[in-house]
Amino acid sequence: MLNIGVIGFGYWGPNIVRNFSSVEGVRVTMVCDKRDDALKHIQRDYPAINLTTSADEILLSPDIDVVAIVTPVSSHYELAKRALENGKHVFVEKPFTATSEQAEELIELAEWKNLTIMVDHTFIYTCCQDDTEIY
């Protein structure tokens, strides 16, 4: 069972929580957001998910295997770097980072730590009507 912590529950966060929650062998265990209305929404729809306003609770938790970062791009690099440094696999909503240098550093850190880092992209696994893949 992969335990996932999600940082950010704004515009795209509900989709990420819903999709990860529907995958067999995956459990969203904690969601972080600084807004009370977002936390109330999560609590109503996903009462089993733990809530926090502190990203550190997710980044430092020994019970979380994967950190999904669904925040503004200005925070992607720092959050992803801290997650990798704490031994977490990372899923980052697009855009990956603000600069190519930040992206290269995160990729190198993930490789060095033998961790996976993945960037989400809408429709990356969607097929066309004639079953040819979209690349």
C-alpha atoms as a PDB file:
ATOM      1  CA  MET A   1       0.000   0.000   0.000  1.00  0.00           C
ATOM      2  CA  LEU A   2       1.387   3.391  -1.033  1.00  0.00           C
ATOM      3  CA  ASN A   3       0.450   6.185   1.341  1.00  0.00           C
ATOM      4  CA  ILE A   4       0.166   9.578  -0.310  1.00  0.00           C
ATOM      5  CA  GLY A   5       0.233  13.033   1.188  1.00  0.00           C
ATOM      6  CA  VAL A   6      -1.146  15.869  -0.933  1.00  0.00           C
ATOM      7  CA  ILE A   7       0.095  19.420  -0.458  1.00  0.00           C
ATOM      8  CA  GLY A   8      -2.401  21.889  -1.913  1.00  0.00           C
ATOM      9  CA  PHE A   9      -6.129  21.517  -2.414  1.00  0.00           C
ATOM     10  CA  GLY A  10      -6.897  24.479  -4.653  1.00  0.00           C
ATOM     11  CA  TYR A  11      -8.204  24.312  -8.199  1.00  0.00           C
ATOM     12  CA  TRP A  12      -6.589  20.983  -9.217  1.00  0.00           C
ATOM     13  CA  GLY A  13      -6.193  19.361  -5.783  1.00  0.00           C
ATOM     14  CA  PRO A  14      -9.675  17.796  -5.661  1.00  0.00           C
ATOM     15  CA  ASN A  15      -8.951  15.985  -8.944  1.00  0.00           C
ATOM     16  CA  ILE A  16      -5.641  14.654  -7.637  1.00  0.00           C
ATOM     17  CA  VAL A  17      -7.188  13.406  -4.377  1.00  0.00           C
ATOM     18  CA  ARG A  18     -10.111  11.817  -6.223  1.00  0.00           C
ATOM     19  CA  ASN A  19      -7.897  10.090  -8.784  1.00  0.00           C
ATOM     20  CA  PHE A  20      -5.333   8.792  -6.301  1.00  0.00           C
ATOM     21  CA  SER A  21      -8.164   7.615  -4.024  1.00  0.00           C
ATOM     22  CA  SER A  22      -9.543   5.483  -6.845  1.00  0.00           C
ATOM     23  CA  VAL A  23      -6.295   3.578  -7.470  1.00  0.00           C
ATOM     24  CA  GLU A  24      -6.018   0.124  -5.942  1.00  0.00           C
ATOM     25  CA  GLY A  25      -3.065  -0.157  -3.584  1.00  0.00           C
ATOM     26  CA  VAL A  26      -2.952   3.596  -2.984  1.00  0.00           C
ATOM     27  CA  ARG A  27      -4.316   5.519  -0.019  1.00  0.00           C
ATOM     28  CA  VAL A  28      -4.402   9.292   0.391  1.00  0.00           C
ATOM     29  CA  THR A  29      -3.609   9.586   4.072  1.00  0.00           C
ATOM     30  CA  MET A  30      -3.146  13.322   4.547  1.00  0.00           C
ATOM     31  CA  VAL A  31      -3.921  16.572   2.764  1.00  0.00           C
ATOM     32  CA  CYS A  32      -2.362  19.937   3.541  1.00  0.00           C
ATOM     33  CA  ASP A  33      -3.895  23.284   2.747  1.00  0.00           C
ATOM     34  CA  LYS A  34      -3.753  26.619   4.542  1.00  0.00           C
ATOM     35  CA  ARG A  35      -7.382  27.501   3.761  1.00  0.00           C
ATOM     36  CA  ASP A  36     -10.140  26.449   6.163  1.00  0.00           C
ATOM     37  CA  ASP A  37     -12.719  26.154   3.365  1.00  0.00           C
ATOM     38  CA  ALA A  38     -10.508  23.649   1.530  1.00  0.00           C
ATOM     39  CA  LEU A  39     -10.045  21.556   4.666  1.00  0.00           C
ATOM     40  CA  LYS A  40     -13.810  21.550   5.309  1.00  0.00           C
ATOM     41  CA  HIS A  41     -14.386  20.359   1.733  1.00  0.00           C
ATOM     42  CA  ILE A  42     -11.933  17.482   2.200  1.00  0.00           C
ATOM     43  CA  GLN A  43     -13.397  16.552   5.578  1.00  0.00           C
ATOM     44  CA  ARG A  44     -16.897  16.417   4.090  1.00  0.00           C
ATOM     45  CA  ASP A  45     -15.949  14.327   1.042  1.00  0.00           C
ATOM     46  CA  TYR A  46     -13.095  12.239   2.504  1.00  0.00           C
ATOM     47  CA  PRO A  47     -13.611  11.861   6.268  1.00  0.00           C
ATOM     48  CA  ALA A  48     -10.842   9.233   6.593  1.00  0.00           C
ATOM     49  CA  ILE A  49      -8.127  11.596   5.311  1.00  0.00           C
ATOM     50  CA  ASN A  50      -6.083  13.423   7.941  1.00  0.00           C
ATOM     51  CA  LEU A  51      -5.891  17.188   7.509  1.00  0.00           C
ATOM     52  CA  THR A  52      -3.146  19.670   8.253  1.00  0.00           C
ATOM     53  CA  THR A  53      -2.145  23.244   7.550  1.00  0.00           C
ATOM     54  CA  SER A  54       1.567  22.377   7.820  1.00  0.00           C
ATOM     55  CA  ALA A  55       3.419  20.891   4.850  1.00  0.00           C
ATOM     56  CA  ASP A  56       6.038  19.636   7.324  1.00  0.00           C
ATOM     57  CA  GLU A  57       3.544  17.109   8.690  1.00  0.00           C
ATOM     58  CA  ILE A  58       3.514  15.465   5.274  1.00  0.00           C
ATOM     59  CA  LEU A  59       7.167  16.008   4.372  1.00  0.00           C
ATOM     60  CA  LEU A  60       8.431  14.566   7.663  1.00  0.00           C
ATOM     61  CA  SER A  61       5.880  11.803   8.247  1.00  0.00           C
ATOM     62  CA  PRO A  62       7.405   8.320   8.310  1.00  0.00           C
ATOM     63  CA  ASP A  63       4.013   6.963   7.216  1.00  0.00           C
ATOM     64  CA  ILE A  64       3.867   8.792   3.872  1.00  0.00           C
ATOM     65  CA  ASP A  65       5.619   7.264   0.857  1.00  0.00           C
ATOM     66  CA  VAL A  66       4.657   9.757  -1.861  1.00  0.00           C
ATOM     67  CA  VAL A  67       4.152  13.508  -1.771  1.00  0.00           C
ATOM     68  CA  ALA A  68       1.863  15.043  -4.381  1.00  0.00           C
ATOM     69  CA  ILE A  69       2.561  18.754  -4.822  1.00  0.00           C
ATOM     70  CA  VAL A  70      -0.418  20.687  -6.142  1.00  0.00           C
ATOM     71  CA  THR A  71       0.598  24.251  -5.284  1.00  0.00           C
ATOM     72  CA  PRO A  72       1.657  27.318  -7.267  1.00  0.00           C
ATOM     73  CA  VAL A  73       4.843  26.749  -9.278  1.00  0.00           C
ATOM     74  CA  SER A  74       6.767  29.152  -7.055  1.00  0.00           C
ATOM     75  CA  SER A  75       6.730  26.523  -4.282  1.00  0.00           C
ATOM     76  CA  HIS A  76       7.280  23.370  -6.374  1.00  0.00           C
ATOM     77  CA  TYR A  77      11.061  23.319  -6.218  1.00  0.00           C
ATOM     78  CA  GLU A  78      11.385  23.821  -2.468  1.00  0.00           C
ATOM     79  CA  LEU A  79       8.623  21.358  -1.568  1.00  0.00           C
ATOM     80  CA  ALA A  80       9.855  18.699  -3.991  1.00  0.00           C
ATOM     81  CA  LYS A  81      13.441  19.075  -2.812  1.00  0.00           C
ATOM     82  CA  ARG A  82      12.433  18.709   0.833  1.00  0.00           C
ATOM     83  CA  ALA A  83      10.273  15.683   0.017  1.00  0.00           C
ATOM     84  CA  LEU A  84      13.146  13.978  -1.817  1.00  0.00           C
ATOM     85  CA  GLU A  85      15.573  14.823   0.978  1.00  0.00           C
ATOM     86  CA  ASN A  86      13.165  13.098   3.368  1.00  0.00           C
ATOM     87  CA  GLY A  87      13.004   9.928   1.265  1.00  0.00           C
ATOM     88  CA  LYS A  88       9.649  10.506  -0.428  1.00  0.00           C
ATOM     89  CA  HIS A  89       8.696   9.804  -4.015  1.00  0.00           C
ATOM     90  CA  VAL A  90       7.291  12.969  -5.610  1.00  0.00           C
ATOM     91  CA  PHE A  91       4.408  13.773  -7.936  1.00  0.00           C
ATOM     92  CA  VAL A  92       4.397  17.428  -9.054  1.00  0.00           C
ATOM     93  CA  GLU A  93       1.609  19.197 -10.866  1.00  0.00           C
ATOM     94  CA  LYS A  94       2.722  21.057 -13.979  1.00  0.00           C
ATOM     95  CA  PRO A  95       4.658  23.192 -14.523  1.00  0.00           C
ATOM     96  CA  PHE A  96       7.405  21.177 -12.878  1.00  0.00           C
ATOM     97  CA  THR A  97       9.613  24.059 -11.731  1.00  0.00           C
ATOM     98  CA  ALA A  98      10.193  27.721 -12.481  1.00  0.00           C
ATOM     99  CA  THR A  99      13.577  27.096 -14.136  1.00  0.00           C
ATOM    100  CA  SER A 100      15.328  24.307 -15.993  1.00  0.00           C
ATOM    101  CA  GLU A 101      18.173  24.451 -13.440  1.00  0.00           C
ATOM    102  CA  GLN A 102      15.702  23.659 -10.639  1.00  0.00           C
ATOM    103  CA  ALA A 103      14.273  20.784 -12.681  1.00  0.00           C
ATOM    104  CA  GLU A 104      17.709  19.317 -13.367  1.00  0.00           C
ATOM    105  CA  GLU A 105      18.652  19.531  -9.684  1.00  0.00           C
ATOM    106  CA  LEU A 106      15.472  17.716  -8.605  1.00  0.00           C
ATOM    107  CA  ILE A 107      15.940  14.996 -11.216  1.00  0.00           C
ATOM    108  CA  GLU A 108      19.546  14.457 -10.105  1.00  0.00           C
ATOM    109  CA  LEU A 109      18.525  14.365  -6.434  1.00  0.00           C
ATOM    110  CA  ALA A 110      15.790  11.816  -7.160  1.00  0.00           C
ATOM    111  CA  GLU A 111      18.254   9.635  -9.071  1.00  0.00           C
ATOM    112  CA  TRP A 112      20.847   9.909  -6.309  1.00  0.00           C
ATOM    113  CA  LYS A 113      18.255   8.938  -3.682  1.00  0.00           C
ATOM    114  CA  ASN A 114      16.786   6.202  -5.936  1.00  0.00           C
ATOM    115  CA  LEU A 115      13.365   7.863  -5.789  1.00  0.00           C
ATOM    116  CA  THR A 116      10.760   8.555  -8.448  1.00  0.00           C
ATOM    117  CA  ILE A 117       9.837  12.100  -9.391  1.00  0.00           C
ATOM    118  CA  MET A 118       6.961  12.576 -11.821  1.00  0.00           C
ATOM    119  CA  VAL A 119       5.332  15.578 -13.404  1.00  0.00           C
ATOM    120  CA  ASP A 120       1.605  15.439 -14.035  1.00  0.00           C
ATOM    121  CA  HIS A 121       0.327  16.396 -17.444  1.00  0.00           C
ATOM    122  CA  THR A 122      -3.324  16.488 -18.401  1.00  0.00           C
ATOM    123  CA  PHE A 123      -4.255  13.711 -20.805  1.00  0.00           C
ATOM    124  CA  ILE A 124      -0.787  12.103 -20.757  1.00  0.00           C
ATOM    125  CA  TYR A 125      -2.368   8.641 -20.623  1.00  0.00           C
ATOM    126  CA  THR A 126      -5.425   9.409 -22.749  1.00  0.00           C
ATOM    127  CA  CYS A 127      -5.932   7.623 -26.037  1.00  0.00           C
ATOM    128  CA  CYS A 128      -7.509   8.921 -29.192  1.00  0.00           C
ATOM    129  CA  GLN A 129     -10.733   7.537 -30.634  1.00  0.00           C
ATOM    130  CA  ASP A 130      -8.758   5.229 -32.907  1.00  0.00           C
ATOM    131  CA  ASP A 131      -6.744   3.956 -29.878  1.00  0.00           C
ATOM    132  CA  THR A 132      -3.502   5.622 -30.933  1.00  0.00           C
ATOM    133  CA  GLU A 133      -1.721   7.176 -28.003  1.00  0.00           C
ATOM    134  CA  ILE A 134      -1.292  10.917 -27.639  1.00  0.00           C
ATOM    135  CA  TYR A 135       2.332  11.917 -27.027  1.00  0.00           C
END
